[in-house]
Amino acid sequence: MSGPVASPWCHYAAYNRRANETLYAVCAGLSGAEYKRDLGAFFGSIHGTLNHLLVGDTIWMTRFEGGTSPSTGLDAILFEKFDALREARERMDRRIERFFGELPAGFEARDIRYVNNAGIDSTDPADVLLPHFFNHQTHHRAQVHTMLSQLGHAPPVLDLHRVLRPNPS
């Protein structure tokens, strides 16, 4: 008798958590001025971009779990303080890992109906939204990676195969 089979998305959920831990560890060493400096990125600063990632993950996870998420605006600052944002990020990453570790049977074959942030009633297949969800995270972490370089800080290695190694080197 075998137990539940882990979703292949578990690797992406684990990568997301570890990449965020790595990125936040570097960002913890920034001065407040560096962290909030507008560097011309889509969400301005590292602070704005990390908040956006949490906004997006909150919206998508709520949709994946069958709920609705009120629009806060994609540029909402959910947390002004880095430590509070980091704690919320850690909670979200555990939520993501739990969800993908127990992915409901047939989830990838579903259509997900939701109202987007522009107020438009939308329906998309889960097998398109799941890659979007993880790609969105990677995209914005890459922006933070670039901003760290712009600030003169060494950005961390975030390659999936390196982050997921049991003994990263």
C-alpha atoms as a PDB file:
ATOM      1  CA  MET A   1       0.000   0.000   0.000  1.00  0.00           C
ATOM      2  CA  SER A   2       1.461   3.337  -0.995  1.00  0.00           C
ATOM      3  CA  GLY A   3       0.854   6.792   0.383  1.00  0.00           C
ATOM      4  CA  PRO A   4      -0.009   9.948  -1.512  1.00  0.00           C
ATOM      5  CA  VAL A   5       2.231  10.848  -4.397  1.00  0.00           C
ATOM      6  CA  ALA A   6       3.912  14.221  -4.047  1.00  0.00           C
ATOM      7  CA  SER A   7       3.059  16.759  -6.701  1.00  0.00           C
ATOM      8  CA  PRO A   8       5.945  17.657  -9.042  1.00  0.00           C
ATOM      9  CA  TRP A   9       5.113  21.229  -8.005  1.00  0.00           C
ATOM     10  CA  CYS A  10       6.588  20.411  -4.569  1.00  0.00           C
ATOM     11  CA  HIS A  11      10.050  21.067  -6.026  1.00  0.00           C
ATOM     12  CA  TYR A  12       8.985  24.546  -7.084  1.00  0.00           C
ATOM     13  CA  ALA A  13       7.405  25.239  -3.700  1.00  0.00           C
ATOM     14  CA  ALA A  14      10.595  24.130  -1.923  1.00  0.00           C
ATOM     15  CA  TYR A  15      12.704  26.196  -4.325  1.00  0.00           C
ATOM     16  CA  ASN A  16      10.489  29.231  -3.717  1.00  0.00           C
ATOM     17  CA  ARG A  17      10.975  28.959   0.055  1.00  0.00           C
ATOM     18  CA  ARG A  18      14.717  28.410  -0.095  1.00  0.00           C
ATOM     19  CA  ALA A  19      15.279  31.126  -2.692  1.00  0.00           C
ATOM     20  CA  ASN A  20      13.278  33.558  -0.553  1.00  0.00           C
ATOM     21  CA  GLU A  21      15.245  32.613   2.568  1.00  0.00           C
ATOM     22  CA  THR A  22      18.487  33.204   0.665  1.00  0.00           C
ATOM     23  CA  LEU A  23      17.348  36.505  -0.815  1.00  0.00           C
ATOM     24  CA  TYR A  24      15.938  37.813   2.465  1.00  0.00           C
ATOM     25  CA  ALA A  25      19.185  36.903   4.258  1.00  0.00           C
ATOM     26  CA  VAL A  26      21.083  39.219   1.901  1.00  0.00           C
ATOM     27  CA  CYS A  27      18.422  41.938   2.105  1.00  0.00           C
ATOM     28  CA  ALA A  28      18.618  41.845   5.921  1.00  0.00           C
ATOM     29  CA  GLY A  29      22.100  43.348   5.602  1.00  0.00           C
ATOM     30  CA  LEU A  30      20.933  46.417   3.686  1.00  0.00           C
ATOM     31  CA  SER A  31      20.586  49.817   5.296  1.00  0.00           C
ATOM     32  CA  GLY A  32      17.045  51.191   5.485  1.00  0.00           C
ATOM     33  CA  ALA A  33      17.898  53.756   2.806  1.00  0.00           C
ATOM     34  CA  GLU A  34      19.204  51.065   0.438  1.00  0.00           C
ATOM     35  CA  TYR A  35      16.241  48.773   1.083  1.00  0.00           C
ATOM     36  CA  LYS A  36      13.705  51.484   0.234  1.00  0.00           C
ATOM     37  CA  ARG A  37      15.698  53.310  -2.468  1.00  0.00           C
ATOM     38  CA  ASP A  38      13.769  53.689  -5.726  1.00  0.00           C
ATOM     39  CA  LEU A  39      15.987  52.043  -8.333  1.00  0.00           C
ATOM     40  CA  GLY A  40      13.541  52.327 -11.214  1.00  0.00           C
ATOM     41  CA  ALA A  41      12.217  48.774 -10.998  1.00  0.00           C
ATOM     42  CA  PHE A  42       8.556  48.117 -11.738  1.00  0.00           C
ATOM     43  CA  PHE A  43       7.739  48.356  -8.014  1.00  0.00           C
ATOM     44  CA  GLY A  44      10.487  50.889  -7.363  1.00  0.00           C
ATOM     45  CA  SER A  45      12.578  49.469  -4.581  1.00  0.00           C
ATOM     46  CA  ILE A  46      13.531  46.153  -3.051  1.00  0.00           C
ATOM     47  CA  HIS A  47      10.926  46.938  -0.384  1.00  0.00           C
ATOM     48  CA  GLY A  48       8.220  47.524  -2.991  1.00  0.00           C
ATOM     49  CA  THR A  49       9.153  44.422  -4.978  1.00  0.00           C
ATOM     50  CA  LEU A  50       9.216  42.096  -1.961  1.00  0.00           C
ATOM     51  CA  ASN A  51       5.826  43.452  -0.881  1.00  0.00           C
ATOM     52  CA  HIS A  52       4.474  42.906  -4.400  1.00  0.00           C
ATOM     53  CA  LEU A  53       5.605  39.289  -4.311  1.00  0.00           C
ATOM     54  CA  LEU A  54       3.670  38.746  -1.095  1.00  0.00           C
ATOM     55  CA  VAL A  55       0.606  40.507  -2.550  1.00  0.00           C
ATOM     56  CA  GLY A  56       0.704  38.289  -5.642  1.00  0.00           C
ATOM     57  CA  ASP A  57       1.253  35.080  -3.699  1.00  0.00           C
ATOM     58  CA  THR A  58      -1.598  35.948  -1.328  1.00  0.00           C
ATOM     59  CA  ILE A  59      -3.974  36.550  -4.227  1.00  0.00           C
ATOM     60  CA  TRP A  60      -3.038  33.383  -6.124  1.00  0.00           C
ATOM     61  CA  MET A  61      -2.956  31.097  -3.092  1.00  0.00           C
ATOM     62  CA  THR A  62      -6.392  32.314  -2.033  1.00  0.00           C
ATOM     63  CA  ARG A  63      -7.696  31.579  -5.545  1.00  0.00           C
ATOM     64  CA  PHE A  64      -6.030  28.158  -5.640  1.00  0.00           C
ATOM     65  CA  GLU A  65      -7.618  27.332  -2.284  1.00  0.00           C
ATOM     66  CA  GLY A  66     -11.070  28.274  -3.619  1.00  0.00           C
ATOM     67  CA  GLY A  67     -11.446  31.676  -1.974  1.00  0.00           C
ATOM     68  CA  THR A  68     -11.623  35.220  -3.213  1.00  0.00           C
ATOM     69  CA  SER A  69      -9.079  37.881  -2.441  1.00  0.00           C
ATOM     70  CA  PRO A  70     -10.046  41.534  -2.322  1.00  0.00           C
ATOM     71  CA  SER A  71      -7.869  43.707  -4.500  1.00  0.00           C
ATOM     72  CA  THR A  72      -5.318  45.689  -2.559  1.00  0.00           C
ATOM     73  CA  GLY A  73      -3.641  46.945  -5.688  1.00  0.00           C
ATOM     74  CA  LEU A  74      -0.568  45.140  -6.924  1.00  0.00           C
ATOM     75  CA  ASP A  75       1.740  47.822  -5.545  1.00  0.00           C
ATOM     76  CA  ALA A  76       0.308  47.670  -2.018  1.00  0.00           C
ATOM     77  CA  ILE A  77       2.784  47.907   0.830  1.00  0.00           C
ATOM     78  CA  LEU A  78       1.518  45.241   3.194  1.00  0.00           C
ATOM     79  CA  PHE A  79       4.364  45.694   5.670  1.00  0.00           C
ATOM     80  CA  GLU A  80       6.488  48.793   6.195  1.00  0.00           C
ATOM     81  CA  LYS A  81       9.049  47.006   8.371  1.00  0.00           C
ATOM     82  CA  PHE A  82      11.421  44.444   6.880  1.00  0.00           C
ATOM     83  CA  ASP A  83      11.174  42.028   9.832  1.00  0.00           C
ATOM     84  CA  ALA A  84       7.367  41.927   9.662  1.00  0.00           C
ATOM     85  CA  LEU A  85       7.490  41.358   5.899  1.00  0.00           C
ATOM     86  CA  ARG A  86      10.036  38.586   6.366  1.00  0.00           C
ATOM     87  CA  GLU A  87       7.826  36.836   8.941  1.00  0.00           C
ATOM     88  CA  ALA A  88       4.808  37.102   6.627  1.00  0.00           C
ATOM     89  CA  ARG A  89       6.931  35.756   3.750  1.00  0.00           C
ATOM     90  CA  GLU A  90       7.950  32.760   5.860  1.00  0.00           C
ATOM     91  CA  ARG A  91       4.293  32.042   6.735  1.00  0.00           C
ATOM     92  CA  MET A  92       3.321  32.321   3.067  1.00  0.00           C
ATOM     93  CA  ASP A  93       6.110  29.998   1.981  1.00  0.00           C
ATOM     94  CA  ARG A  94       4.955  27.376   4.502  1.00  0.00           C
ATOM     95  CA  ARG A  95       1.399  27.803   3.177  1.00  0.00           C
ATOM     96  CA  ILE A  96       2.624  27.294  -0.399  1.00  0.00           C
ATOM     97  CA  GLU A  97       4.617  24.172   0.517  1.00  0.00           C
ATOM     98  CA  ARG A  98       1.690  22.720   2.452  1.00  0.00           C
ATOM     99  CA  PHE A  99      -0.745  23.334  -0.425  1.00  0.00           C
ATOM    100  CA  PHE A 100       1.507  21.844  -3.095  1.00  0.00           C
ATOM    101  CA  GLY A 101       2.476  18.967  -0.820  1.00  0.00           C
ATOM    102  CA  GLU A 102      -1.204  18.042  -0.580  1.00  0.00           C
ATOM    103  CA  LEU A 103      -2.353  19.163  -4.043  1.00  0.00           C
ATOM    104  CA  PRO A 104      -5.953  18.041  -4.501  1.00  0.00           C
ATOM    105  CA  ALA A 105      -6.433  15.213  -7.010  1.00  0.00           C
ATOM    106  CA  GLY A 106      -7.155  16.562 -10.472  1.00  0.00           C
ATOM    107  CA  PHE A 107      -6.232  20.111  -9.519  1.00  0.00           C
ATOM    108  CA  GLU A 108      -4.063  20.637 -12.601  1.00  0.00           C
ATOM    109  CA  ALA A 109      -6.974  19.682 -14.875  1.00  0.00           C
ATOM    110  CA  ARG A 110      -9.306  22.294 -13.344  1.00  0.00           C
ATOM    111  CA  ASP A 111     -10.246  25.699 -14.584  1.00  0.00           C
ATOM    112  CA  ILE A 112      -9.954  28.437 -11.997  1.00  0.00           C
ATOM    113  CA  ARG A 113     -12.463  31.248 -12.094  1.00  0.00           C
ATOM    114  CA  TYR A 114     -11.598  34.532 -10.422  1.00  0.00           C
ATOM    115  CA  VAL A 115     -12.056  38.271 -10.638  1.00  0.00           C
ATOM    116  CA  ASN A 116      -8.728  39.863 -11.526  1.00  0.00           C
ATOM    117  CA  ASN A 117      -7.399  43.111 -10.071  1.00  0.00           C
ATOM    118  CA  ALA A 118      -8.975  45.071 -12.928  1.00  0.00           C
ATOM    119  CA  GLY A 119     -12.386  43.687 -11.890  1.00  0.00           C
ATOM    120  CA  ILE A 120     -12.664  41.354 -14.885  1.00  0.00           C
ATOM    121  CA  ASP A 121     -14.273  37.957 -14.370  1.00  0.00           C
ATOM    122  CA  SER A 122     -11.697  35.495 -15.685  1.00  0.00           C
ATOM    123  CA  THR A 123     -11.254  31.761 -16.087  1.00  0.00           C
ATOM    124  CA  ASP A 124      -7.920  30.104 -16.776  1.00  0.00           C
ATOM    125  CA  PRO A 125      -6.735  26.507 -16.697  1.00  0.00           C
ATOM    126  CA  ALA A 126      -4.761  25.548 -13.605  1.00  0.00           C
ATOM    127  CA  ASP A 127      -2.059  24.018 -15.795  1.00  0.00           C
ATOM    128  CA  VAL A 128      -1.347  27.545 -17.077  1.00  0.00           C
ATOM    129  CA  LEU A 129      -1.774  29.347 -13.752  1.00  0.00           C
ATOM    130  CA  LEU A 130       0.571  27.086 -11.789  1.00  0.00           C
ATOM    131  CA  PRO A 131       3.608  27.800 -13.997  1.00  0.00           C
ATOM    132  CA  HIS A 132       2.609  31.487 -13.982  1.00  0.00           C
ATOM    133  CA  PHE A 133       2.540  31.477 -10.172  1.00  0.00           C
ATOM    134  CA  PHE A 134       6.084  30.143  -9.839  1.00  0.00           C
ATOM    135  CA  ASN A 135       7.428  32.088 -12.827  1.00  0.00           C
ATOM    136  CA  HIS A 136       6.063  35.320 -11.322  1.00  0.00           C
ATOM    137  CA  GLN A 137       8.037  34.682  -8.140  1.00  0.00           C
ATOM    138  CA  THR A 138      11.243  33.981 -10.061  1.00  0.00           C
ATOM    139  CA  HIS A 139      10.757  37.052 -12.250  1.00  0.00           C
ATOM    140  CA  HIS A 140      10.488  39.448  -9.319  1.00  0.00           C
ATOM    141  CA  ARG A 141      13.251  37.774  -7.295  1.00  0.00           C
ATOM    142  CA  ALA A 142      15.435  38.418 -10.340  1.00  0.00           C
ATOM    143  CA  GLN A 143      14.526  42.099 -10.137  1.00  0.00           C
ATOM    144  CA  VAL A 144      15.617  42.161  -6.480  1.00  0.00           C
ATOM    145  CA  HIS A 145      18.783  40.326  -7.523  1.00  0.00           C
ATOM    146  CA  THR A 146      19.526  43.109 -10.024  1.00  0.00           C
ATOM    147  CA  MET A 147      18.754  45.844  -7.510  1.00  0.00           C
ATOM    148  CA  LEU A 148      21.209  44.279  -5.060  1.00  0.00           C
ATOM    149  CA  SER A 149      23.859  44.535  -7.786  1.00  0.00           C
ATOM    150  CA  GLN A 150      22.917  48.150  -8.449  1.00  0.00           C
ATOM    151  CA  LEU A 151      23.432  48.877  -4.764  1.00  0.00           C
ATOM    152  CA  GLY A 152      26.894  47.299  -4.845  1.00  0.00           C
ATOM    153  CA  HIS A 153      25.954  44.148  -2.918  1.00  0.00           C
ATOM    154  CA  ALA A 154      26.787  40.656  -4.121  1.00  0.00           C
ATOM    155  CA  PRO A 155      23.500  39.015  -5.100  1.00  0.00           C
ATOM    156  CA  PRO A 156      23.064  35.399  -4.013  1.00  0.00           C
ATOM    157  CA  VAL A 157      23.051  32.380  -6.309  1.00  0.00           C
ATOM    158  CA  LEU A 158      19.402  31.521  -6.958  1.00  0.00           C
ATOM    159  CA  ASP A 159      19.700  28.867  -9.674  1.00  0.00           C
ATOM    160  CA  LEU A 160      17.053  26.220  -9.007  1.00  0.00           C
ATOM    161  CA  HIS A 161      19.392  23.236  -9.249  1.00  0.00           C
ATOM    162  CA  ARG A 162      21.858  24.874  -6.864  1.00  0.00           C
ATOM    163  CA  VAL A 163      19.260  26.036  -4.347  1.00  0.00           C
ATOM    164  CA  LEU A 164      17.640  22.583  -4.221  1.00  0.00           C
ATOM    165  CA  ARG A 165      20.879  20.685  -3.678  1.00  0.00           C
ATOM    166  CA  PRO A 166      20.913  18.896  -0.327  1.00  0.00           C
ATOM    167  CA  ASN A 167      24.322  20.472   0.404  1.00  0.00           C
ATOM    168  CA  PRO A 168      24.394  23.699  -1.629  1.00  0.00           C
ATOM    169  CA  SER A 169      27.814  24.830  -2.732  1.00  0.00           C
END
